[in-house]
C-alpha atoms as a PDB file:
ATOM      1  CA  UNK A   1      44.884  -0.155 -76.554  1.00  0.00           C
ATOM      2  CA  UNK A   2      41.242   0.851 -76.951  1.00  0.00           C
ATOM      3  CA  UNK A   3      39.157  -2.511 -76.575  1.00  0.00           C
ATOM      4  CA  UNK A   4      36.777  -1.203 -78.882  1.00  0.00           C
ATOM      5  CA  UNK A   5      35.981  -3.350 -82.092  1.00  0.00           C
ATOM      6  CA  UNK A   6      37.659  -2.084 -85.405  1.00  0.00           C
ATOM      7  CA  UNK A   7      34.323  -2.429 -87.168  1.00  0.00           C
ATOM      8  CA  UNK A   8      32.766   0.595 -84.861  1.00  0.00           C
ATOM      9  CA  UNK A   9      34.552   2.884 -87.259  1.00  0.00           C
ATOM     10  CA  UNK A  10      33.807   2.567 -91.110  1.00  0.00           C
ATOM     11  CA  UNK A  11      36.942   1.614 -93.050  1.00  0.00           C
ATOM     12  CA  UNK A  12      35.639   2.333 -96.586  1.00  0.00           C
ATOM     13  CA  UNK A  13      32.591   4.146 -98.225  1.00  0.00           C
ATOM     14  CA  UNK A  14      33.255   7.455 -95.986  1.00  0.00           C
ATOM     15  CA  UNK A  15      35.416  10.418 -96.840  1.00  0.00           C
ATOM     16  CA  UNK A  16      38.892  10.558 -95.851  1.00  0.00           C
ATOM     17  CA  UNK A  17      38.207  14.387 -94.723  1.00  0.00           C
ATOM     18  CA  UNK A  18      34.852  14.876 -93.397  1.00  0.00           C
ATOM     19  CA  UNK A  19      35.421  18.244 -92.947  1.00  0.00           C
ATOM     20  CA  UNK A  20      36.115  18.862 -96.776  1.00  0.00           C
ATOM     21  CA  UNK A  21      33.133  21.562 -97.585  1.00  0.00           C
ATOM     22  CA  UNK A  22      30.091  19.516 -98.248  1.00  0.00           C
ATOM     23  CA  UNK A  23      29.719  20.924-101.518  1.00  0.00           C
ATOM     24  CA  UNK A  24      32.731  19.472-103.085  1.00  0.00           C
ATOM     25  CA  UNK A  25      31.650  16.373-101.856  1.00  0.00           C
ATOM     26  CA  UNK A  26      28.269  16.441-102.901  1.00  0.00           C
ATOM     27  CA  UNK A  27      29.666  17.325-106.407  1.00  0.00           C
ATOM     28  CA  UNK A  28      31.877  14.163-106.592  1.00  0.00           C
ATOM     29  CA  UNK A  29      28.878  12.206-105.977  1.00  0.00           C
ATOM     30  CA  UNK A  30      27.011  13.777-108.746  1.00  0.00           C
ATOM     31  CA  UNK A  31      30.048  13.066-110.916  1.00  0.00           C
ATOM     32  CA  UNK A  32      30.396   9.695-109.854  1.00  0.00           C
ATOM     33  CA  UNK A  33      26.939   8.701-110.699  1.00  0.00           C
ATOM     34  CA  UNK A  34      27.137  10.783-114.044  1.00  0.00           C
ATOM     35  CA  UNK A  35      29.647   8.539-115.132  1.00  0.00           C
ATOM     36  CA  UNK A  36      28.246   5.506-113.789  1.00  0.00           C
ATOM     37  CA  UNK A  37      24.964   6.285-115.293  1.00  0.00           C
ATOM     38  CA  UNK A  38      26.399   6.944-118.954  1.00  0.00           C
ATOM     39  CA  UNK A  39      28.465   3.600-118.979  1.00  0.00           C
ATOM     40  CA  UNK A  40      25.387   1.503-117.685  1.00  0.00           C
ATOM     41  CA  UNK A  41      23.030   2.903-120.120  1.00  0.00           C
ATOM     42  CA  UNK A  42      25.873   3.561-122.730  1.00  0.00           C
ATOM     43  CA  UNK A  43      26.518  -0.278-122.418  1.00  0.00           C
ATOM     44  CA  UNK A  44      23.130  -1.303-123.320  1.00  0.00           C
ATOM     45  CA  UNK A  45      22.840   1.092-126.408  1.00  0.00           C
ATOM     46  CA  UNK A  46      26.129  -0.202-127.792  1.00  0.00           C
ATOM     47  CA  UNK A  47      25.396  -3.432-127.903  1.00  0.00           C
ATOM     48  CA  UNK A  48      22.077  -3.382-129.495  1.00  0.00           C
ATOM     49  CA  UNK A  49      24.421  -1.253-132.313  1.00  0.00           C
ATOM     50  CA  UNK A  50      26.788  -3.852-132.644  1.00  0.00           C
ATOM     51  CA  UNK A  51      25.163  -7.186-131.856  1.00  0.00           C
ATOM     52  CA  UNK A  52      21.443  -6.921-131.905  1.00  0.00           C
ATOM     53  CA  UNK A  53      19.387  -9.772-130.902  1.00  0.00           C
ATOM     54  CA  UNK A  54      22.398 -11.445-128.632  1.00  0.00           C
ATOM     55  CA  UNK A  55      21.012 -11.099-125.462  1.00  0.00           C
ATOM     56  CA  UNK A  56      23.782 -13.330-123.749  1.00  0.00           C
ATOM     57  CA  UNK A  57      26.546 -11.096-125.120  1.00  0.00           C
ATOM     58  CA  UNK A  58      24.510  -7.776-123.942  1.00  0.00           C
ATOM     59  CA  UNK A  59      24.267  -9.074-120.984  1.00  0.00           C
ATOM     60  CA  UNK A  60      27.888 -10.310-120.535  1.00  0.00           C
ATOM     61  CA  UNK A  61      29.248  -7.021-121.552  1.00  0.00           C
ATOM     62  CA  UNK A  62      27.068  -4.996-119.863  1.00  0.00           C
ATOM     63  CA  UNK A  63      27.936  -6.786-116.324  1.00  0.00           C
ATOM     64  CA  UNK A  64      31.297  -6.129-117.320  1.00  0.00           C
ATOM     65  CA  UNK A  65      31.511  -2.542-118.180  1.00  0.00           C
ATOM     66  CA  UNK A  66      28.870  -1.343-115.419  1.00  0.00           C
ATOM     67  CA  UNK A  67      30.654  -3.290-112.362  1.00  0.00           C
ATOM     68  CA  UNK A  68      34.128  -2.397-113.662  1.00  0.00           C
ATOM     69  CA  UNK A  69      33.097   1.616-113.958  1.00  0.00           C
ATOM     70  CA  UNK A  70      31.799   1.145-110.590  1.00  0.00           C
ATOM     71  CA  UNK A  71      35.120  -0.301-109.315  1.00  0.00           C
ATOM     72  CA  UNK A  72      37.037   2.693-110.885  1.00  0.00           C
ATOM     73  CA  UNK A  73      34.887   5.586-110.049  1.00  0.00           C
ATOM     74  CA  UNK A  74      35.127   4.080-106.211  1.00  0.00           C
ATOM     75  CA  UNK A  75      39.045   3.820-106.087  1.00  0.00           C
ATOM     76  CA  UNK A  76      39.281   7.095-107.732  1.00  0.00           C
ATOM     77  CA  UNK A  77      36.594   9.208-105.559  1.00  0.00           C
ATOM     78  CA  UNK A  78      36.150   7.329-102.725  1.00  0.00           C
ATOM     79  CA  UNK A  79      38.518   9.455-100.708  1.00  0.00           C
ATOM     80  CA  UNK A  80      37.099  12.358-101.337  1.00  0.00           C
ATOM     81  CA  UNK A  81      32.967  11.430-100.921  1.00  0.00           C
ATOM     82  CA  UNK A  82      32.705   7.754 -99.641  1.00  0.00           C
ATOM     83  CA  UNK A  83      32.204   7.033-103.304  1.00  0.00           C
ATOM     84  CA  UNK A  84      28.881   6.156-102.606  1.00  0.00           C
ATOM     85  CA  UNK A  85      26.982   6.950-106.187  1.00  0.00           C
ATOM     86  CA  UNK A  86      23.978   5.168-104.780  1.00  0.00           C
ATOM     87  CA  UNK A  87      21.315   6.808-102.360  1.00  0.00           C
ATOM     88  CA  UNK A  88      20.578   3.836-101.070  1.00  0.00           C
ATOM     89  CA  UNK A  89      24.182   3.613 -99.287  1.00  0.00           C
ATOM     90  CA  UNK A  90      23.886   7.269 -98.176  1.00  0.00           C
ATOM     91  CA  UNK A  91      20.362   6.565 -97.077  1.00  0.00           C
ATOM     92  CA  UNK A  92      21.882   3.624 -94.842  1.00  0.00           C
ATOM     93  CA  UNK A  93      24.527   5.421 -93.106  1.00  0.00           C
ATOM     94  CA  UNK A  94      22.198   8.070 -92.220  1.00  0.00           C
ATOM     95  CA  UNK A  95      19.952   5.521 -90.691  1.00  0.00           C
ATOM     96  CA  UNK A  96      23.088   4.159 -88.689  1.00  0.00           C
ATOM     97  CA  UNK A  97      23.745   7.666 -87.416  1.00  0.00           C
ATOM     98  CA  UNK A  98      26.969   7.955 -89.541  1.00  0.00           C
ATOM     99  CA  UNK A  99      26.101  10.500 -91.585  1.00  0.00           C
ATOM    100  CA  UNK A 100      24.240  13.995 -90.977  1.00  0.00           C
ATOM    101  CA  UNK A 101      21.113  14.797 -92.323  1.00  0.00           C
ATOM    102  CA  UNK A 102      22.375  17.696 -94.377  1.00  0.00           C
ATOM    103  CA  UNK A 103      24.659  15.848 -95.808  1.00  0.00           C
ATOM    104  CA  UNK A 104      22.727  13.127 -96.726  1.00  0.00           C
ATOM    105  CA  UNK A 105      19.995  15.126 -98.547  1.00  0.00           C
ATOM    106  CA  UNK A 106      23.216  17.084-100.265  1.00  0.00           C
ATOM    107  CA  UNK A 107      24.568  13.575-101.801  1.00  0.00           C
ATOM    108  CA  UNK A 108      21.405  12.322-102.704  1.00  0.00           C
ATOM    109  CA  UNK A 109      20.182  15.258-104.486  1.00  0.00           C
ATOM    110  CA  UNK A 110      23.804  15.021-106.523  1.00  0.00           C
ATOM    111  CA  UNK A 111      23.339  11.477-107.171  1.00  0.00           C
ATOM    112  CA  UNK A 112      19.917  12.258-108.770  1.00  0.00           C
ATOM    113  CA  UNK A 113      20.925  15.017-110.697  1.00  0.00           C
ATOM    114  CA  UNK A 114      24.115  13.151-111.878  1.00  0.00           C
ATOM    115  CA  UNK A 115      21.925   9.912-112.763  1.00  0.00           C
ATOM    116  CA  UNK A 116      19.564  12.283-114.819  1.00  0.00           C
ATOM    117  CA  UNK A 117      22.675  13.673-116.994  1.00  0.00           C
ATOM    118  CA  UNK A 118      24.224  10.546-116.870  1.00  0.00           C
ATOM    119  CA  UNK A 119      21.255   8.942-118.957  1.00  0.00           C
ATOM    120  CA  UNK A 120      21.079  12.422-121.046  1.00  0.00           C
ATOM    121  CA  UNK A 121      24.717  11.879-122.035  1.00  0.00           C
ATOM    122  CA  UNK A 122      24.373   8.459-123.169  1.00  0.00           C
ATOM    123  CA  UNK A 123      21.337   8.806-125.096  1.00  0.00           C
ATOM    124  CA  UNK A 124      23.056  11.755-126.898  1.00  0.00           C
ATOM    125  CA  UNK A 125      26.490   9.426-127.775  1.00  0.00           C
ATOM    126  CA  UNK A 126      23.915   6.628-129.050  1.00  0.00           C
ATOM    127  CA  UNK A 127      21.197   8.563-130.777  1.00  0.00           C
ATOM    128  CA  UNK A 128      18.191   5.867-131.437  1.00  0.00           C
ATOM    129  CA  UNK A 129      15.115   6.535-133.156  1.00  0.00           C
ATOM    130  CA  UNK A 130      13.070   6.046-129.885  1.00  0.00           C
ATOM    131  CA  UNK A 131      13.251   4.430-126.481  1.00  0.00           C
ATOM    132  CA  UNK A 132      13.305   0.867-126.545  1.00  0.00           C
ATOM    133  CA  UNK A 133      12.429  -2.353-124.966  1.00  0.00           C
ATOM    134  CA  UNK A 134      11.094  -0.439-121.742  1.00  0.00           C
ATOM    135  CA  UNK A 135       9.598  -2.923-118.918  1.00  0.00           C
ATOM    136  CA  UNK A 136       6.151  -1.551-118.702  1.00  0.00           C
ATOM    137  CA  UNK A 137       4.407  -3.999-116.637  1.00  0.00           C
ATOM    138  CA  UNK A 138       6.845  -5.924-114.048  1.00  0.00           C
ATOM    139  CA  UNK A 139       6.326  -9.498-112.989  1.00  0.00           C
ATOM    140  CA  UNK A 140       6.368 -10.803-109.256  1.00  0.00           C
ATOM    141  CA  UNK A 141       9.931 -12.095-110.134  1.00  0.00           C
ATOM    142  CA  UNK A 142      11.474  -8.942-111.645  1.00  0.00           C
ATOM    143  CA  UNK A 143      10.642  -6.719-108.345  1.00  0.00           C
ATOM    144  CA  UNK A 144      12.026  -9.689-105.868  1.00  0.00           C
ATOM    145  CA  UNK A 145      14.952  -9.663-108.087  1.00  0.00           C
ATOM    146  CA  UNK A 146      15.504  -6.208-107.394  1.00  0.00           C
ATOM    147  CA  UNK A 147      14.536  -6.515-103.842  1.00  0.00           C
ATOM    148  CA  UNK A 148      17.517  -9.630-103.637  1.00  0.00           C
ATOM    149  CA  UNK A 149      20.147  -7.555-105.619  1.00  0.00           C
ATOM    150  CA  UNK A 150      19.475  -4.652-103.292  1.00  0.00           C
ATOM    151  CA  UNK A 151      19.749  -6.637-100.433  1.00  0.00           C
ATOM    152  CA  UNK A 152      22.860  -8.363-101.551  1.00  0.00           C
ATOM    153  CA  UNK A 153      24.855  -5.256-102.413  1.00  0.00           C
ATOM    154  CA  UNK A 154      23.903  -3.375 -99.560  1.00  0.00           C
ATOM    155  CA  UNK A 155      25.354  -6.441 -97.298  1.00  0.00           C
ATOM    156  CA  UNK A 156      28.294  -6.222 -99.217  1.00  0.00           C
ATOM    157  CA  UNK A 157      28.695  -2.828 -99.133  1.00  0.00           C
ATOM    158  CA  UNK A 158      28.229  -2.842 -95.184  1.00  0.00           C
ATOM    159  CA  UNK A 159      30.132  -6.092 -94.660  1.00  0.00           C
ATOM    160  CA  UNK A 160      32.890  -4.545 -95.800  1.00  0.00           C
ATOM    161  CA  UNK A 161      32.396  -1.236 -94.164  1.00  0.00           C
ATOM    162  CA  UNK A 162      32.096  -3.163 -90.941  1.00  0.00           C
ATOM    163  CA  UNK A 163      35.007  -5.830 -91.742  1.00  0.00           C
ATOM    164  CA  UNK A 164      38.300  -3.248 -91.002  1.00  0.00           C
ATOM    165  CA  UNK A 165      39.520  -4.696 -94.498  1.00  0.00           C
ATOM    166  CA  UNK A 166      39.148  -0.505 -96.567  1.00  0.00           C
ATOM    167  CA  UNK A 167      40.453  -1.621 -99.815  1.00  0.00           C
ATOM    168  CA  UNK A 168      38.161  -5.067-100.338  1.00  0.00           C
ATOM    169  CA  UNK A 169      35.039  -2.506-100.644  1.00  0.00           C
ATOM    170  CA  UNK A 170      35.622  -1.407-104.088  1.00  0.00           C
ATOM    171  CA  UNK A 171      36.195  -4.665-105.447  1.00  0.00           C
ATOM    172  CA  UNK A 172      33.919  -6.769-103.635  1.00  0.00           C
ATOM    173  CA  UNK A 173      31.277  -4.554-104.810  1.00  0.00           C
ATOM    174  CA  UNK A 174      31.933  -4.593-108.325  1.00  0.00           C
ATOM    175  CA  UNK A 175      32.203  -8.404-107.849  1.00  0.00           C
ATOM    176  CA  UNK A 176      28.845  -8.756-106.702  1.00  0.00           C
ATOM    177  CA  UNK A 177      27.362  -6.663-109.227  1.00  0.00           C
ATOM    178  CA  UNK A 178      29.172  -8.215-111.890  1.00  0.00           C
ATOM    179  CA  UNK A 179      27.363 -11.389-110.643  1.00  0.00           C
ATOM    180  CA  UNK A 180      24.226 -10.289-109.784  1.00  0.00           C
ATOM    181  CA  UNK A 181      23.595  -8.409-113.465  1.00  0.00           C
ATOM    182  CA  UNK A 182      23.892 -11.830-114.943  1.00  0.00           C
ATOM    183  CA  UNK A 183      22.157 -13.720-112.325  1.00  0.00           C
ATOM    184  CA  UNK A 184      19.162 -11.406-111.925  1.00  0.00           C
ATOM    185  CA  UNK A 185      16.117 -11.276-114.118  1.00  0.00           C
ATOM    186  CA  UNK A 186      15.817  -7.254-113.628  1.00  0.00           C
ATOM    187  CA  UNK A 187      19.639  -6.532-114.303  1.00  0.00           C
ATOM    188  CA  UNK A 188      20.011  -5.624-111.035  1.00  0.00           C
ATOM    189  CA  UNK A 189      19.673  -1.976-110.926  1.00  0.00           C
ATOM    190  CA  UNK A 190      19.766  -1.924-107.441  1.00  0.00           C
ATOM    191  CA  UNK A 191      20.504   1.892-107.087  1.00  0.00           C
ATOM    192  CA  UNK A 192      17.455   4.664-107.392  1.00  0.00           C
ATOM    193  CA  UNK A 193      19.478   7.380-108.766  1.00  0.00           C
ATOM    194  CA  UNK A 194      19.762   5.035-112.121  1.00  0.00           C
ATOM    195  CA  UNK A 195      16.535   3.655-111.419  1.00  0.00           C
ATOM    196  CA  UNK A 196      15.092   6.686-111.895  1.00  0.00           C
ATOM    197  CA  UNK A 197      17.065   7.624-114.703  1.00  0.00           C
ATOM    198  CA  UNK A 198      15.974   4.959-116.725  1.00  0.00           C
ATOM    199  CA  UNK A 199      13.025   7.042-116.909  1.00  0.00           C
ATOM    200  CA  UNK A 200      14.327   9.305-119.890  1.00  0.00           C
ATOM    201  CA  UNK A 201      17.024   6.311-120.936  1.00  0.00           C
ATOM    202  CA  UNK A 202      17.003   4.801-123.701  1.00  0.00           C
ATOM    203  CA  UNK A 203      17.871   1.181-125.094  1.00  0.00           C
ATOM    204  CA  UNK A 204      17.507  -2.106-122.461  1.00  0.00           C
ATOM    205  CA  UNK A 205      18.033  -0.051-119.307  1.00  0.00           C
ATOM    206  CA  UNK A 206      15.058   2.014-120.099  1.00  0.00           C
ATOM    207  CA  UNK A 207      11.930   1.356-117.877  1.00  0.00           C
ATOM    208  CA  UNK A 208       8.309   2.606-117.583  1.00  0.00           C
ATOM    209  CA  UNK A 209       6.855   4.324-114.888  1.00  0.00           C
ATOM    210  CA  UNK A 210       5.109   1.428-113.275  1.00  0.00           C
ATOM    211  CA  UNK A 211       8.089  -0.321-113.357  1.00  0.00           C
ATOM    212  CA  UNK A 212      10.121   2.204-111.578  1.00  0.00           C
ATOM    213  CA  UNK A 213       7.398   2.817-108.952  1.00  0.00           C
ATOM    214  CA  UNK A 214       7.801  -0.564-108.123  1.00  0.00           C
ATOM    215  CA  UNK A 215      11.687  -1.225-108.288  1.00  0.00           C
ATOM    216  CA  UNK A 216      12.574   1.867-106.140  1.00  0.00           C
ATOM    217  CA  UNK A 217      10.698   0.444-103.559  1.00  0.00           C
ATOM    218  CA  UNK A 218      12.058  -3.331-103.721  1.00  0.00           C
ATOM    219  CA  UNK A 219      15.233  -1.721-103.426  1.00  0.00           C
ATOM    220  CA  UNK A 220      14.805   0.566-100.263  1.00  0.00           C
ATOM    221  CA  UNK A 221      13.040  -2.754 -98.993  1.00  0.00           C
ATOM    222  CA  UNK A 222      16.254  -4.745-100.022  1.00  0.00           C
ATOM    223  CA  UNK A 223      18.363  -2.252 -98.198  1.00  0.00           C
ATOM    224  CA  UNK A 224      16.781  -2.708 -94.841  1.00  0.00           C
ATOM    225  CA  UNK A 225      17.107  -6.186 -94.829  1.00  0.00           C
ATOM    226  CA  UNK A 226      20.687  -5.899 -95.500  1.00  0.00           C
ATOM    227  CA  UNK A 227      21.278  -3.520 -92.478  1.00  0.00           C
ATOM    228  CA  UNK A 228      19.613  -6.271 -90.216  1.00  0.00           C
ATOM    229  CA  UNK A 229      21.999  -8.809 -91.773  1.00  0.00           C
ATOM    230  CA  UNK A 230      24.775  -6.597 -90.496  1.00  0.00           C
ATOM    231  CA  UNK A 231      23.179  -6.002 -87.567  1.00  0.00           C
ATOM    232  CA  UNK A 232      23.352  -9.874 -86.948  1.00  0.00           C
ATOM    233  CA  UNK A 233      27.121 -10.298 -88.280  1.00  0.00           C
ATOM    234  CA  UNK A 234      28.252  -7.276 -86.959  1.00  0.00           C
ATOM    235  CA  UNK A 235      26.721  -6.391 -83.699  1.00  0.00           C
ATOM    236  CA  UNK A 236      27.692  -2.605 -82.512  1.00  0.00           C
ATOM    237  CA  UNK A 237      27.870  -1.658 -79.136  1.00  0.00           C
ATOM    238  CA  UNK A 238      27.760   2.185 -79.266  1.00  0.00           C
ATOM    239  CA  UNK A 239      27.552   4.200 -82.433  1.00  0.00           C
ATOM    240  CA  UNK A 240      30.019   6.348 -84.107  1.00  0.00           C
ATOM    241  CA  UNK A 241      29.920  10.176 -84.691  1.00  0.00           C
ATOM    242  CA  UNK A 242      28.137  10.932 -87.795  1.00  0.00           C
ATOM    243  CA  UNK A 243      30.278  12.115 -90.540  1.00  0.00           C
ATOM    244  CA  UNK A 244      31.004  16.213 -90.927  1.00  0.00           C
ATOM    245  CA  UNK A 245      32.095  15.833 -87.296  1.00  0.00           C
ATOM    246  CA  UNK A 246      35.582  14.570 -86.454  1.00  0.00           C
ATOM    247  CA  UNK A 247      35.822  11.147 -86.302  1.00  0.00           C
ATOM    248  CA  UNK A 248      38.775   8.666 -84.049  1.00  0.00           C
ATOM    249  CA  UNK A 249      40.360   7.643 -87.409  1.00  0.00           C
ATOM    250  CA  UNK A 250      43.229   6.193 -85.035  1.00  0.00           C
ATOM    251  CA  UNK A 251      40.539   3.390 -84.714  1.00  0.00           C
ATOM    252  CA  UNK A 252      41.463   2.141 -88.286  1.00  0.00           C
ATOM    253  CA  UNK A 253      44.945   0.882 -87.454  1.00  0.00           C
ATOM    254  CA  UNK A 254      44.591  -0.565 -84.273  1.00  0.00           C
END
């Protein structure tokens, strides 16, 4: 039996078959991000129509709907593409040499396109007279909130990857997202695909250009902090092969 720690090879948020055509995997990332964004934007619009002015109910419903949708999408599509639906996960895997540059570009392109289409679909399903409730000038607290939400989410994602327990990932991510949406004043976007899509989204999810320009870097810096936390908790003695090359999947059962 090899003495290599089990967490050297990721156990979740990686595709079951890295040799599946990249176009198929990137398309799945696009579709998953599309559904996730549609639900996130649609939840906010639905609440404003059903319970206008009830902020507490809106927050709880948005957290429940968005986190539930994400868990379902990861479970359904994770074996195909890894179930990222978030450029931060893809970027950090590339940074850790777990994913090739070509695959990273394809995934992120699909995620951004999916996010934009998802926001447009939600707008169509819940037509409103105008864009509402935009955060025009984020406070320091809101930007810090995004930083913390992103750092926490990526810590959960990569902690689950290194833990050796493949089944924990979707539920751990959903649990964190549910908590962070309620507990952070920004609402925990923590996903550049959704943050950029919020430019065209209607309702509570909508953000101004200035807000997006501040939130996206906060998300990126939070992700970098998370990978430093993971390096402390799960030190690695060697790097796995990048996705798109054969991996030693037998290590997952050791």
